[in-house]
C-alpha atoms as a PDB file:
ATOM      1  CA  MET A   1     -27.320 -17.921 -21.646  1.00  0.00           C
ATOM      2  CA  LYS A   2     -30.785 -17.332 -21.193  1.00  0.00           C
ATOM      3  CA  GLU A   3     -30.273 -16.302 -17.521  1.00  0.00           C
ATOM      4  CA  TYR A   4     -27.891 -13.722 -18.229  1.00  0.00           C
ATOM      5  CA  PHE A   5     -30.476 -11.761 -20.031  1.00  0.00           C
ATOM      6  CA  LYS A   6     -33.870 -12.779 -17.810  1.00  0.00           C
ATOM      7  CA  VAL A   7     -34.623  -9.162 -16.123  1.00  0.00           C
ATOM      8  CA  SER A   8     -36.900  -9.703 -12.717  1.00  0.00           C
ATOM      9  CA  THR A   9     -38.523  -6.606 -10.339  1.00  0.00           C
ATOM     10  CA  LYS A  10     -35.414  -7.525  -8.558  1.00  0.00           C
ATOM     11  CA  THR A  11     -33.332  -6.870 -11.518  1.00  0.00           C
ATOM     12  CA  ILE A  12     -35.093  -3.756 -12.518  1.00  0.00           C
ATOM     13  CA  VAL A  13     -34.730  -2.319  -8.305  1.00  0.00           C
ATOM     14  CA  ALA A  14     -30.995  -2.944  -8.511  1.00  0.00           C
ATOM     15  CA  THR A  15     -30.721  -1.226 -11.713  1.00  0.00           C
ATOM     16  CA  GLY A  16     -32.427   2.325 -10.564  1.00  0.00           C
ATOM     17  CA  LEU A  17     -30.372   1.967  -7.193  1.00  0.00           C
ATOM     18  CA  GLY A  18     -27.318   0.605  -9.001  1.00  0.00           C
ATOM     19  CA  ALA A  19     -27.677   4.179 -11.477  1.00  0.00           C
ATOM     20  CA  ALA A  20     -28.626   6.439  -8.990  1.00  0.00           C
ATOM     21  CA  ILE A  21     -25.529   5.292  -7.004  1.00  0.00           C
ATOM     22  CA  PHE A  22     -23.496   5.198  -9.831  1.00  0.00           C
ATOM     23  CA  MET A  23     -23.681   8.766 -10.872  1.00  0.00           C
ATOM     24  CA  LEU A  24     -23.404  10.317  -7.078  1.00  0.00           C
ATOM     25  CA  LEU A  25     -19.735   8.203  -7.071  1.00  0.00           C
ATOM     26  CA  PHE A  26     -19.079   9.426 -11.034  1.00  0.00           C
ATOM     27  CA  MET A  27     -19.641  13.230 -10.061  1.00  0.00           C
ATOM     28  CA  TYR A  28     -17.680  13.364  -6.565  1.00  0.00           C
ATOM     29  CA  VAL A  29     -16.077  10.722  -6.197  1.00  0.00           C
ATOM     30  CA  LYS A  30     -13.170  10.576  -8.470  1.00  0.00           C
ATOM     31  CA  VAL A  31      -9.102  12.005  -8.856  1.00  0.00           C
ATOM     32  CA  PRO A  32      -8.474  13.667 -11.782  1.00  0.00           C
ATOM     33  CA  SER A  33      -5.640  12.475 -13.989  1.00  0.00           C
ATOM     34  CA  PRO A  34      -3.081  14.387 -15.938  1.00  0.00           C
ATOM     35  CA  VAL A  35      -4.915  13.371 -19.294  1.00  0.00           C
ATOM     36  CA  PRO A  36      -7.573  16.267 -19.779  1.00  0.00           C
ATOM     37  CA  GLU A  37     -10.651  15.096 -19.281  1.00  0.00           C
ATOM     38  CA  THR A  38     -10.219  11.568 -17.646  1.00  0.00           C
ATOM     39  CA  SER A  39     -10.816  11.133 -14.396  1.00  0.00           C
ATOM     40  CA  PHE A  40      -9.853   8.152 -11.470  1.00  0.00           C
ATOM     41  CA  GLN A  41     -13.813   6.609 -11.147  1.00  0.00           C
ATOM     42  CA  THR A  42     -14.645   4.867  -8.458  1.00  0.00           C
ATOM     43  CA  ALA A  43     -17.991   3.833  -9.920  1.00  0.00           C
ATOM     44  CA  TYR A  44     -16.538   1.518 -12.227  1.00  0.00           C
ATOM     45  CA  GLY A  45     -15.980  -0.212  -9.156  1.00  0.00           C
ATOM     46  CA  LEU A  46     -19.745  -0.040  -8.324  1.00  0.00           C
ATOM     47  CA  SER A  47     -20.757  -1.130 -11.603  1.00  0.00           C
ATOM     48  CA  GLY A  48     -19.083  -4.467 -11.546  1.00  0.00           C
ATOM     49  CA  PHE A  49     -20.266  -5.255  -8.240  1.00  0.00           C
ATOM     50  CA  PHE A  50     -23.790  -4.565  -9.636  1.00  0.00           C
ATOM     51  CA  ALA A  51     -22.750  -6.103 -12.884  1.00  0.00           C
ATOM     52  CA  THR A  52     -21.597  -9.817 -11.530  1.00  0.00           C
ATOM     53  CA  LEU A  53     -25.160  -9.837  -8.960  1.00  0.00           C
ATOM     54  CA  PHE A  54     -27.505  -9.045 -11.901  1.00  0.00           C
ATOM     55  CA  GLY A  55     -26.161 -10.022 -15.326  1.00  0.00           C
ATOM     56  CA  PRO A  56     -25.139  -7.915 -18.353  1.00  0.00           C
ATOM     57  CA  ILE A  57     -28.354  -5.606 -18.611  1.00  0.00           C
ATOM     58  CA  ALA A  58     -28.439  -4.496 -15.366  1.00  0.00           C
ATOM     59  CA  GLY A  59     -24.812  -3.759 -15.833  1.00  0.00           C
ATOM     60  CA  ALA A  60     -24.888  -1.799 -19.065  1.00  0.00           C
ATOM     61  CA  LEU A  61     -28.149  -0.063 -17.827  1.00  0.00           C
ATOM     62  CA  ILE A  62     -26.296   0.912 -14.846  1.00  0.00           C
ATOM     63  CA  SER A  63     -23.376   2.587 -16.188  1.00  0.00           C
ATOM     64  CA  PHE A  64     -25.357   3.772 -19.033  1.00  0.00           C
ATOM     65  CA  ILE A  65     -28.054   5.672 -17.117  1.00  0.00           C
ATOM     66  CA  GLY A  66     -25.959   6.896 -14.217  1.00  0.00           C
ATOM     67  CA  HIS A  67     -22.679   8.428 -16.921  1.00  0.00           C
ATOM     68  CA  ALA A  68     -25.612   9.833 -18.374  1.00  0.00           C
ATOM     69  CA  LEU A  69     -27.380  11.996 -15.649  1.00  0.00           C
ATOM     70  CA  SER A  70     -24.035  12.347 -14.285  1.00  0.00           C
ATOM     71  CA  ASP A  71     -23.167  14.363 -17.621  1.00  0.00           C
ATOM     72  CA  ALA A  72     -26.359  15.992 -17.903  1.00  0.00           C
ATOM     73  CA  VAL A  73     -26.501  17.587 -14.268  1.00  0.00           C
ATOM     74  CA  GLN A  74     -22.727  18.838 -14.493  1.00  0.00           C
ATOM     75  CA  TYR A  75     -22.377  19.538 -17.891  1.00  0.00           C
ATOM     76  CA  GLY A  76     -25.737  20.188 -19.198  1.00  0.00           C
ATOM     77  CA  SER A  77     -25.836  17.249 -21.458  1.00  0.00           C
ATOM     78  CA  PRO A  78     -24.247  13.966 -21.965  1.00  0.00           C
ATOM     79  CA  TRP A  79     -21.090  12.888 -23.946  1.00  0.00           C
ATOM     80  CA  TRP A  80     -22.735  10.216 -25.349  1.00  0.00           C
ATOM     81  CA  SER A  81     -19.498   8.692 -27.029  1.00  0.00           C
ATOM     82  CA  TRP A  82     -18.323   7.921 -23.317  1.00  0.00           C
ATOM     83  CA  VAL A  83     -21.623   7.335 -21.663  1.00  0.00           C
ATOM     84  CA  ILE A  84     -22.247   4.740 -24.610  1.00  0.00           C
ATOM     85  CA  ALA A  85     -18.498   3.008 -23.582  1.00  0.00           C
ATOM     86  CA  SER A  86     -20.309   3.035 -20.046  1.00  0.00           C
ATOM     87  CA  GLY A  87     -22.745   0.926 -21.191  1.00  0.00           C
ATOM     88  CA  VAL A  88     -20.453  -1.637 -22.996  1.00  0.00           C
ATOM     89  CA  SER A  89     -18.527  -1.667 -20.032  1.00  0.00           C
ATOM     90  CA  GLY A  90     -21.241  -2.355 -17.691  1.00  0.00           C
ATOM     91  CA  PHE A  91     -22.864  -4.950 -19.997  1.00  0.00           C
ATOM     92  CA  ILE A  92     -19.336  -6.951 -20.246  1.00  0.00           C
ATOM     93  CA  PHE A  93     -18.897  -7.063 -16.427  1.00  0.00           C
ATOM     94  CA  GLY A  94     -22.146  -8.616 -16.339  1.00  0.00           C
ATOM     95  CA  PHE A  95     -20.711 -11.610 -18.405  1.00  0.00           C
ATOM     96  CA  ALA A  96     -19.629 -12.439 -14.657  1.00  0.00           C
ATOM     97  CA  PHE A  97     -22.668 -13.237 -13.364  1.00  0.00           C
ATOM     98  CA  LYS A  98     -23.359 -17.339 -12.876  1.00  0.00           C
ATOM     99  CA  ARG A  99     -19.378 -17.551 -13.624  1.00  0.00           C
ATOM    100  CA  THR A 100     -18.545 -16.577  -9.797  1.00  0.00           C
ATOM    101  CA  ASN A 101     -19.923 -18.355  -6.483  1.00  0.00           C
ATOM    102  CA  VAL A 102     -20.596 -14.848  -5.128  1.00  0.00           C
ATOM    103  CA  GLU A 103     -23.961 -15.848  -4.222  1.00  0.00           C
ATOM    104  CA  GLU A 104     -22.941 -18.868  -2.555  1.00  0.00           C
ATOM    105  CA  GLY A 105     -20.674 -17.239  -0.175  1.00  0.00           C
ATOM    106  CA  GLU A 106     -17.904 -18.321  -2.297  1.00  0.00           C
ATOM    107  CA  PHE A 107     -15.575 -15.422  -3.693  1.00  0.00           C
ATOM    108  CA  LYS A 108     -11.783 -16.280  -3.583  1.00  0.00           C
ATOM    109  CA  GLY A 109      -9.398 -17.291  -5.658  1.00  0.00           C
ATOM    110  CA  LYS A 110     -10.436 -18.404  -9.352  1.00  0.00           C
ATOM    111  CA  ASP A 111     -13.702 -16.535  -8.683  1.00  0.00           C
ATOM    112  CA  ILE A 112     -11.821 -13.445  -8.046  1.00  0.00           C
ATOM    113  CA  LEU A 113      -9.131 -14.088 -11.300  1.00  0.00           C
ATOM    114  CA  THR A 114     -12.637 -14.878 -13.248  1.00  0.00           C
ATOM    115  CA  TYR A 115     -14.297 -11.724 -12.314  1.00  0.00           C
ATOM    116  CA  ASN A 116     -10.866  -9.635 -13.052  1.00  0.00           C
ATOM    117  CA  ILE A 117     -10.556 -11.080 -16.464  1.00  0.00           C
ATOM    118  CA  ILE A 118     -14.275 -10.070 -17.915  1.00  0.00           C
ATOM    119  CA  GLN A 119     -13.600  -6.413 -16.308  1.00  0.00           C
ATOM    120  CA  ILE A 120     -10.190  -6.425 -17.722  1.00  0.00           C
ATOM    121  CA  ILE A 121     -11.937  -7.296 -20.936  1.00  0.00           C
ATOM    122  CA  GLY A 122     -15.016  -4.566 -20.520  1.00  0.00           C
ATOM    123  CA  ASN A 123     -12.674  -1.847 -19.609  1.00  0.00           C
ATOM    124  CA  VAL A 124     -10.428  -2.848 -22.736  1.00  0.00           C
ATOM    125  CA  VAL A 125     -13.188  -3.054 -25.266  1.00  0.00           C
ATOM    126  CA  ALA A 126     -15.033  -0.131 -23.819  1.00  0.00           C
ATOM    127  CA  TRP A 127     -12.466   2.739 -23.109  1.00  0.00           C
ATOM    128  CA  ILE A 128      -9.666   1.369 -26.084  1.00  0.00           C
ATOM    129  CA  ILE A 129     -11.957   0.727 -28.797  1.00  0.00           C
ATOM    130  CA  VAL A 130     -15.499   1.832 -28.682  1.00  0.00           C
ATOM    131  CA  ALA A 131     -15.010   5.411 -26.830  1.00  0.00           C
ATOM    132  CA  PRO A 132     -12.466   6.208 -29.125  1.00  0.00           C
ATOM    133  CA  VAL A 133     -13.744   4.988 -31.960  1.00  0.00           C
ATOM    134  CA  LEU A 134     -17.256   6.891 -31.753  1.00  0.00           C
ATOM    135  CA  ASP A 135     -15.809   9.982 -30.427  1.00  0.00           C
ATOM    136  CA  ILE A 136     -14.158  10.557 -34.032  1.00  0.00           C
ATOM    137  CA  LEU A 137     -17.310   9.208 -36.060  1.00  0.00           C
ATOM    138  CA  ILE A 138     -19.770  11.359 -33.357  1.00  0.00           C
ATOM    139  CA  TYR A 139     -17.765  14.369 -32.555  1.00  0.00           C
ATOM    140  CA  GLN A 140     -14.675  14.267 -35.374  1.00  0.00           C
ATOM    141  CA  GLU A 141     -11.869  14.402 -32.500  1.00  0.00           C
ATOM    142  CA  PRO A 142      -8.371  14.216 -32.995  1.00  0.00           C
ATOM    143  CA  ALA A 143      -7.537  10.282 -32.923  1.00  0.00           C
ATOM    144  CA  SER A 144      -4.181  10.766 -31.098  1.00  0.00           C
ATOM    145  CA  LEU A 145      -6.228  13.008 -28.547  1.00  0.00           C
ATOM    146  CA  VAL A 146      -9.246  10.184 -28.245  1.00  0.00           C
ATOM    147  CA  PHE A 147      -6.748   7.761 -28.103  1.00  0.00           C
ATOM    148  CA  THR A 148      -4.882   8.636 -25.327  1.00  0.00           C
ATOM    149  CA  GLN A 149      -8.172   9.713 -23.477  1.00  0.00           C
ATOM    150  CA  GLY A 150      -9.347   6.065 -23.690  1.00  0.00           C
ATOM    151  CA  ALA A 151      -5.654   3.834 -23.021  1.00  0.00           C
ATOM    152  CA  THR A 152      -6.251   6.307 -20.114  1.00  0.00           C
ATOM    153  CA  ALA A 153      -9.435   5.608 -18.902  1.00  0.00           C
ATOM    154  CA  ALA A 154      -8.721   2.088 -19.696  1.00  0.00           C
ATOM    155  CA  ILE A 155      -6.121   1.518 -16.890  1.00  0.00           C
ATOM    156  CA  MET A 156      -7.725   3.684 -14.542  1.00  0.00           C
ATOM    157  CA  ASN A 157     -11.407   1.565 -14.545  1.00  0.00           C
ATOM    158  CA  ILE A 158      -9.632  -1.739 -14.462  1.00  0.00           C
ATOM    159  CA  ILE A 159      -7.946  -0.056 -11.113  1.00  0.00           C
ATOM    160  CA  SER A 160     -10.907   1.089 -10.319  1.00  0.00           C
ATOM    161  CA  ALA A 161     -13.251  -1.989 -10.844  1.00  0.00           C
ATOM    162  CA  GLY A 162     -10.477  -4.293  -9.979  1.00  0.00           C
ATOM    163  CA  VAL A 163     -10.084  -2.816  -6.363  1.00  0.00           C
ATOM    164  CA  PHE A 164     -13.438  -1.476  -5.747  1.00  0.00           C
ATOM    165  CA  GLY A 165     -15.178  -4.093  -7.392  1.00  0.00           C
ATOM    166  CA  THR A 166     -12.920  -6.927  -6.004  1.00  0.00           C
ATOM    167  CA  LEU A 167     -13.900  -5.854  -2.369  1.00  0.00           C
ATOM    168  CA  LEU A 168     -17.316  -4.946  -2.704  1.00  0.00           C
ATOM    169  CA  LEU A 169     -17.982  -8.643  -4.312  1.00  0.00           C
ATOM    170  CA  VAL A 170     -15.218 -10.445  -1.185  1.00  0.00           C
ATOM    171  CA  ALA A 171     -17.369  -8.314   1.747  1.00  0.00           C
ATOM    172  CA  TYR A 172     -20.715  -9.457  -0.179  1.00  0.00           C
ATOM    173  CA  SER A 173     -20.023 -12.972  -0.193  1.00  0.00           C
ATOM    174  CA  ALA A 174     -19.373 -13.126   3.123  1.00  0.00           C
ATOM    175  CA  THR A 175     -22.857 -12.375   4.136  1.00  0.00           C
ATOM    176  CA  ARG A 176     -24.035 -14.998   1.952  1.00  0.00           C
ATOM    177  CA  THR A 177     -24.628 -18.497   3.295  1.00  0.00           C
ATOM    178  CA  LYS A 178     -22.360 -20.826   2.067  1.00  0.00           C
ATOM    179  CA  LYS A 179     -23.561 -23.851   0.187  1.00  0.00           C
ATOM    180  CA  GLY A 180     -23.479 -26.999   2.716  1.00  0.00           C
ATOM    181  CA  SER A 181     -22.817 -24.956   5.606  1.00  0.00           C
ATOM    182  CA  LEU A 182     -26.033 -25.670   7.648  1.00  0.00           C
ATOM    183  CA  SER A 183     -26.691 -29.279   8.649  1.00  0.00           C
ATOM    184  CA  LYS A 184     -29.715 -30.946   9.806  1.00  0.00           C
ATOM    185  CA  LYS A 185     -29.386 -31.894  13.892  1.00  0.00           C
END
């Protein structure tokens, strides 16, 4: 379990890069939904990708920092309940780290299923529990609105992390040398 929370220079660099790309995707590569203040965000696919490669700490920081910066630039200040929920989702996505064989050049069947189960859990916890509860506690938002927004965000982010995250991980694993593929002559 200790390896999940190890922070190296590589993790720090990936976190900075990931947060910057997350922010840009969050601001510019999204599709509005019919539910107010919710969008289909491609950034969560990127968050799932980085979290799977670098672990829960990187996943949490990438999503938290990227979302906070995006809100600050676009709206003048972050909407903290959803920024925190983004961090929670990225943290949970990070539990796919060491549970998949993406670094060994294998990301098929079982690994895809493992990643997607973890990202679904992360999105459900973040958007159906954390974001609405914090909206009510911090901003006194009406429960019916925030739970509708949360459920909508959960569905859209599950699709984003499922499709884009899986495709990025499959593509990345294809660039890795498969274990046992090199032979001595």
